[in-house]
Amino acid sequence: MAFQAEETHANTAIKPFRKQYRLFHATFAQFCYTGAQVAIAGYFINYVTETRTGTTSATASKFLAGAQGAFTAGRFAGSALMKFVRPRYVYLVYMMLIIVFIAPSITQRGNTGMAMLYLTLFFESIIFPTTVALGMRGLGKYSKRGSGFIVGGVAGGACVPPLLGVASDANNSTAIAMSVPLAFFVASSSYAICVNFVPAYRGPIDSLAAAKIGMQNTASDEERASDLETEKGAVDMSEHISRVDNKEVRGL
């Protein structure tokens, strides 16, 4: 990554680690997103049993399995889409759609509210890995440490669910408590907005994405190196023969 940054003139590893603000923003976004995701999954059964009349916990758990299937489908769909569209575009659209669909789940009930959560999980699918990938872009020599920071954002999964639980108890409604993950999704979306609209964020990502270095043209590089070695060997042999001839002439 450091070599790639240098070759593309991203120059993002010049600043000391404490000034890698894009990294810390990505870590914050990961913390907020992961916390909201875990909170929704953890209280999904409570939500369904409360808002869908006559639904038991056993039935709600089956609906949860279906929601996890939607999450998986979203991952495959997002990955396929990223082959044709810049990942940062897909990242922004998915994040915005998460907010669009989690908001109605606060007021809607029954199958409509549950469908909103299904769609929310579908669009959650690519956020975690894409945040890691985009957050690491341009870190150069700080890539390893930076990736640890971003992945460490999963700590949000231990912090946000209790807040949702407190809100649920206070309002006697899991549906209303879905405003908690909504707030954290909005906070997380700030990073998706920055990587698309702030040049300081967008520049290193696009520069490194367009770099054609690494394993490409490896064969031609090896051929050039081999040719140089052959030429050097020929020059050395010519010099050796010349020295031998000179010795023989002096001997005569």
Protein backbone atom coordinates (compact mmCIF):
# COMPACT_ATOMS: atom_id res chain seq x y z
CA MET A 1 0.00 0.00 0.00
CA ALA A 2 2.85 2.40 0.77
CA PHE A 3 4.41 1.72 -2.65
CA GLN A 4 1.04 2.17 -4.33
CA ALA A 5 0.48 5.49 -2.58
CA GLU A 6 3.92 6.69 -3.68
CA GLU A 7 3.43 5.60 -7.29
CA THR A 8 0.07 7.37 -7.57
CA HIS A 9 1.28 10.50 -5.78
CA ALA A 10 -1.39 10.12 -3.10
CA ASN A 11 1.22 11.21 -0.54
CA THR A 12 -1.07 10.33 2.34
CA ALA A 13 1.56 8.73 4.58
CA ILE A 14 3.55 11.93 5.01
CA LYS A 15 1.54 13.14 7.99
CA PRO A 16 2.11 11.50 11.38
CA PHE A 17 -0.38 8.86 12.47
CA ARG A 18 -2.20 11.16 14.87
CA LYS A 19 -3.10 13.39 11.90
CA GLN A 20 -4.65 10.65 9.78
CA TYR A 21 -8.10 12.17 10.22
CA ARG A 22 -9.70 10.15 7.45
CA LEU A 23 -8.75 6.98 9.29
CA PHE A 24 -10.30 8.15 12.55
CA HIS A 25 -13.44 9.21 10.70
CA ALA A 26 -13.69 5.74 9.15
CA THR A 27 -13.23 4.19 12.60
CA PHE A 28 -16.01 6.38 13.99
CA ALA A 29 -18.28 5.42 11.09
CA GLN A 30 -17.54 1.73 11.65
CA PHE A 31 -18.30 2.05 15.36
CA CYS A 32 -21.66 3.70 14.70
CA TYR A 33 -22.65 1.35 11.90
CA THR A 34 -21.71 -1.87 13.69
CA GLY A 35 -23.50 -0.76 16.84
CA ALA A 36 -26.69 -0.01 14.91
CA GLN A 37 -26.50 -3.27 12.95
CA VAL A 38 -26.06 -5.43 16.06
CA ALA A 39 -28.82 -3.52 17.86
CA ILE A 40 -31.32 -4.19 15.08
CA ALA A 41 -30.41 -7.87 14.83
CA GLY A 42 -30.52 -8.27 18.61
CA TYR A 43 -33.97 -6.72 18.99
CA PHE A 44 -35.49 -7.97 15.73
CA ILE A 45 -37.49 -10.72 17.48
CA ASN A 46 -38.79 -8.26 20.11
CA TYR A 47 -39.81 -5.87 17.35
CA VAL A 48 -41.75 -8.49 15.40
CA THR A 49 -43.54 -10.00 18.38
CA GLU A 50 -44.61 -6.53 19.54
CA THR A 51 -45.70 -5.08 16.20
CA ARG A 52 -47.08 -8.16 14.43
CA THR A 53 -50.17 -9.40 16.21
CA GLY A 54 -50.17 -13.08 17.16
CA THR A 55 -46.52 -13.68 16.31
CA THR A 56 -44.64 -15.92 18.72
CA SER A 57 -40.93 -15.76 19.45
CA ALA A 58 -40.43 -19.01 17.53
CA THR A 59 -42.11 -17.57 14.46
CA ALA A 60 -40.21 -14.29 14.83
CA SER A 61 -36.92 -16.19 14.92
CA LYS A 62 -37.79 -17.68 11.53
CA PHE A 63 -38.43 -14.19 10.21
CA LEU A 64 -35.02 -13.21 11.57
CA ALA A 65 -33.46 -16.06 9.59
CA GLY A 66 -35.16 -14.65 6.50
CA ALA A 67 -33.78 -11.20 7.28
CA GLN A 68 -30.28 -12.65 7.54
CA GLY A 69 -30.89 -14.22 4.13
CA ALA A 70 -31.71 -10.74 2.81
CA PHE A 71 -28.42 -9.54 4.29
CA THR A 72 -26.56 -12.26 2.40
CA ALA A 73 -28.36 -11.44 -0.84
CA GLY A 74 -27.45 -7.79 -0.41
CA ARG A 75 -23.78 -8.70 -0.02
CA PHE A 76 -23.72 -10.61 -3.30
CA ALA A 77 -25.70 -7.91 -5.10
CA GLY A 78 -23.42 -5.15 -3.81
CA SER A 79 -20.25 -7.05 -4.69
CA ALA A 80 -21.50 -7.66 -8.22
CA LEU A 81 -22.49 -4.02 -8.61
CA MET A 82 -19.04 -2.85 -7.53
CA LYS A 83 -17.52 -4.55 -10.57
CA PHE A 84 -19.19 -1.94 -12.75
CA VAL A 85 -19.64 1.06 -10.44
CA ARG A 86 -17.13 2.78 -8.17
CA PRO A 87 -17.37 1.23 -4.67
CA ARG A 88 -17.72 4.64 -3.04
CA TYR A 89 -20.88 5.29 -5.09
CA VAL A 90 -22.43 1.97 -4.08
CA TYR A 91 -21.37 2.62 -0.50
CA LEU A 92 -23.16 5.97 -0.42
CA VAL A 93 -26.35 4.66 -2.03
CA TYR A 94 -26.55 1.66 0.30
CA MET A 95 -25.98 3.84 3.36
CA MET A 96 -28.65 6.34 2.32
CA LEU A 97 -31.14 3.54 1.66
CA ILE A 98 -30.48 2.09 5.11
CA ILE A 99 -31.60 5.40 6.60
CA VAL A 100 -34.57 5.60 4.24
CA PHE A 101 -35.88 2.18 5.28
CA ILE A 102 -35.05 2.13 9.00
CA ALA A 103 -36.97 5.38 9.57
CA PRO A 104 -40.45 4.00 8.65
CA SER A 105 -39.93 1.00 10.93
CA ILE A 106 -40.33 3.40 13.86
CA THR A 107 -43.93 4.27 12.96
CA GLN A 108 -45.08 1.30 10.87
CA ARG A 109 -46.41 -1.91 12.34
CA GLY A 110 -47.13 -5.47 11.23
CA ASN A 111 -45.75 -6.79 7.96
CA THR A 112 -44.93 -3.29 6.73
CA GLY A 113 -42.64 -2.54 9.65
CA MET A 114 -40.97 -5.94 9.39
CA ALA A 115 -40.46 -5.45 5.64
CA MET A 116 -38.65 -2.19 6.41
CA LEU A 117 -36.22 -4.10 8.62
CA TYR A 118 -35.73 -6.70 5.87
CA LEU A 119 -34.74 -3.96 3.46
CA THR A 120 -32.54 -2.34 6.09
CA LEU A 121 -30.59 -5.57 6.56
CA PHE A 122 -30.32 -6.00 2.78
CA PHE A 123 -28.57 -2.65 2.41
CA GLU A 124 -26.46 -3.08 5.55
CA SER A 125 -24.66 -5.95 3.85
CA ILE A 126 -21.68 -4.18 2.21
CA ILE A 127 -21.10 -1.40 4.71
CA PHE A 128 -18.65 -3.07 7.09
CA PRO A 129 -16.14 -4.41 4.51
CA THR A 130 -16.41 -1.31 2.33
CA THR A 131 -15.68 0.98 5.27
CA VAL A 132 -12.54 -1.06 6.00
CA ALA A 133 -11.41 -1.00 2.36
CA LEU A 134 -12.02 2.72 1.83
CA GLY A 135 -10.65 3.69 5.23
CA MET A 136 -7.34 1.95 4.51
CA ARG A 137 -6.81 3.66 1.17
CA GLY A 138 -3.79 5.91 1.14
CA LEU A 139 -2.55 5.08 4.66
CA GLY A 140 0.79 3.89 3.31
CA LYS A 141 3.05 2.69 6.12
CA TYR A 142 0.16 3.04 8.55
CA SER A 143 -2.01 0.47 6.74
CA LYS A 144 -1.63 -2.33 9.27
CA ARG A 145 -2.23 -0.15 12.30
CA GLY A 146 -5.03 1.69 10.55
CA SER A 147 -6.87 -1.50 9.61
CA GLY A 148 -6.74 -2.53 13.26
CA PHE A 149 -8.37 0.75 14.27
CA ILE A 150 -11.19 0.39 11.75
CA VAL A 151 -11.89 -3.25 12.57
CA GLY A 152 -11.82 -2.27 16.23
CA GLY A 153 -14.94 -0.26 15.46
CA VAL A 154 -16.91 -3.47 16.11
CA ALA A 155 -16.83 -2.33 19.73
CA GLY A 156 -19.92 -0.38 18.78
CA GLY A 157 -21.77 -3.68 18.83
CA ALA A 158 -21.33 -3.76 22.59
CA CYS A 159 -22.35 -0.14 23.17
CA VAL A 160 -25.40 0.63 21.04
CA PRO A 161 -27.70 -2.37 21.80
CA PRO A 162 -27.94 -1.46 25.50
CA LEU A 163 -29.00 2.05 24.48
CA LEU A 164 -31.75 0.58 22.30
CA GLY A 165 -32.84 -1.57 25.25
CA VAL A 166 -33.03 1.44 27.54
CA ALA A 167 -35.06 3.36 24.96
CA SER A 168 -37.37 0.37 24.49
CA ASP A 169 -38.02 0.08 28.23
CA ALA A 170 -38.53 3.81 28.62
CA ASN A 171 -41.13 3.96 25.85
CA ASN A 172 -42.48 0.44 26.28
CA SER A 173 -41.96 0.00 22.52
CA THR A 174 -39.16 -1.57 20.52
CA ALA A 175 -40.46 0.17 17.41
CA ILE A 176 -39.94 3.64 18.87
CA ALA A 177 -36.53 2.54 20.13
CA MET A 178 -35.46 1.95 16.52
CA SER A 179 -34.76 5.68 16.52
CA VAL A 180 -31.51 4.80 18.32
CA PRO A 181 -29.96 2.81 15.43
CA LEU A 182 -31.36 5.43 13.05
CA ALA A 183 -29.34 8.11 14.82
CA PHE A 184 -26.17 6.01 14.64
CA PHE A 185 -26.72 5.26 10.94
CA VAL A 186 -27.01 8.99 10.29
CA ALA A 187 -23.73 9.56 12.13
CA SER A 188 -22.06 6.77 10.17
CA SER A 189 -23.30 8.18 6.86
CA SER A 190 -21.09 11.25 7.37
CA TYR A 191 -18.12 9.18 6.21
CA ALA A 192 -19.94 7.92 3.10
CA ILE A 193 -20.77 11.52 2.23
CA CYS A 194 -17.18 12.67 2.74
CA VAL A 195 -15.58 9.96 0.56
CA ASN A 196 -17.85 11.04 -2.28
CA PHE A 197 -17.95 14.81 -1.98
CA VAL A 198 -14.86 15.97 -0.04
CA PRO A 199 -11.75 16.10 -2.29
CA ALA A 200 -9.36 15.35 0.59
CA TYR A 201 -11.18 12.04 1.09
CA ARG A 202 -12.02 11.27 -2.53
CA GLY A 203 -8.61 11.99 -4.03
CA PRO A 204 -6.53 9.21 -2.41
CA ILE A 205 -9.31 6.67 -2.96
CA ASP A 206 -9.65 7.37 -6.67
CA SER A 207 -5.89 7.70 -7.22
CA LEU A 208 -5.16 4.33 -5.69
CA ALA A 209 -8.13 2.70 -7.39
CA ALA A 210 -6.79 3.79 -10.77
CA ALA A 211 -3.23 2.63 -10.12
CA LYS A 212 -1.99 -0.04 -12.55
CA ILE A 213 0.83 -1.37 -10.47
CA GLY A 214 1.61 -4.50 -8.53
CA MET A 215 1.57 -7.82 -10.37
CA GLN A 216 0.63 -6.28 -13.72
CA ASN A 217 3.30 -6.62 -16.47
CA THR A 218 5.39 -8.85 -14.24
CA ALA A 219 6.44 -11.01 -17.17
CA SER A 220 7.69 -8.05 -19.22
CA ASP A 221 9.61 -6.72 -16.20
CA GLU A 222 11.35 -10.07 -15.80
CA GLU A 223 12.22 -10.13 -19.50
CA ARG A 224 13.77 -6.67 -19.29
CA ALA A 225 15.78 -7.69 -16.23
CA SER A 226 16.98 -10.82 -18.04
CA ASP A 227 18.04 -8.78 -21.08
CA LEU A 228 20.00 -6.39 -18.86
CA GLU A 229 21.80 -9.28 -17.19
CA THR A 230 22.65 -10.79 -20.57
CA GLU A 231 24.03 -7.49 -21.84
CA LYS A 232 26.09 -7.05 -18.66
CA GLY A 233 27.46 -10.56 -19.00
CA ALA A 234 28.44 -9.95 -22.61
CA VAL A 235 30.26 -6.73 -21.66
CA ASP A 236 32.12 -8.50 -18.84
CA MET A 237 33.16 -11.32 -21.19
CA SER A 238 34.35 -8.84 -23.79
CA GLU A 239 36.46 -7.02 -21.20
CA HIS A 240 37.94 -10.33 -19.99
CA ILE A 241 38.92 -11.39 -23.51
CA SER A 242 40.44 -7.98 -24.12
CA ARG A 243 42.61 -8.28 -20.99
CA VAL A 244 43.77 -11.78 -22.00
CA ASP A 245 44.72 -10.56 -25.50
CA ASN A 246 46.68 -7.67 -24.01
CA LYS A 247 48.63 -10.06 -21.76
CA GLU A 248 49.47 -12.30 -24.69
CA VAL A 249 50.65 -9.33 -26.76
CA ARG A 250 52.91 -8.15 -23.95
CA GLY A 251 54.24 -11.70 -23.61
CA LEU A 252 55.28 -11.72 -27.22
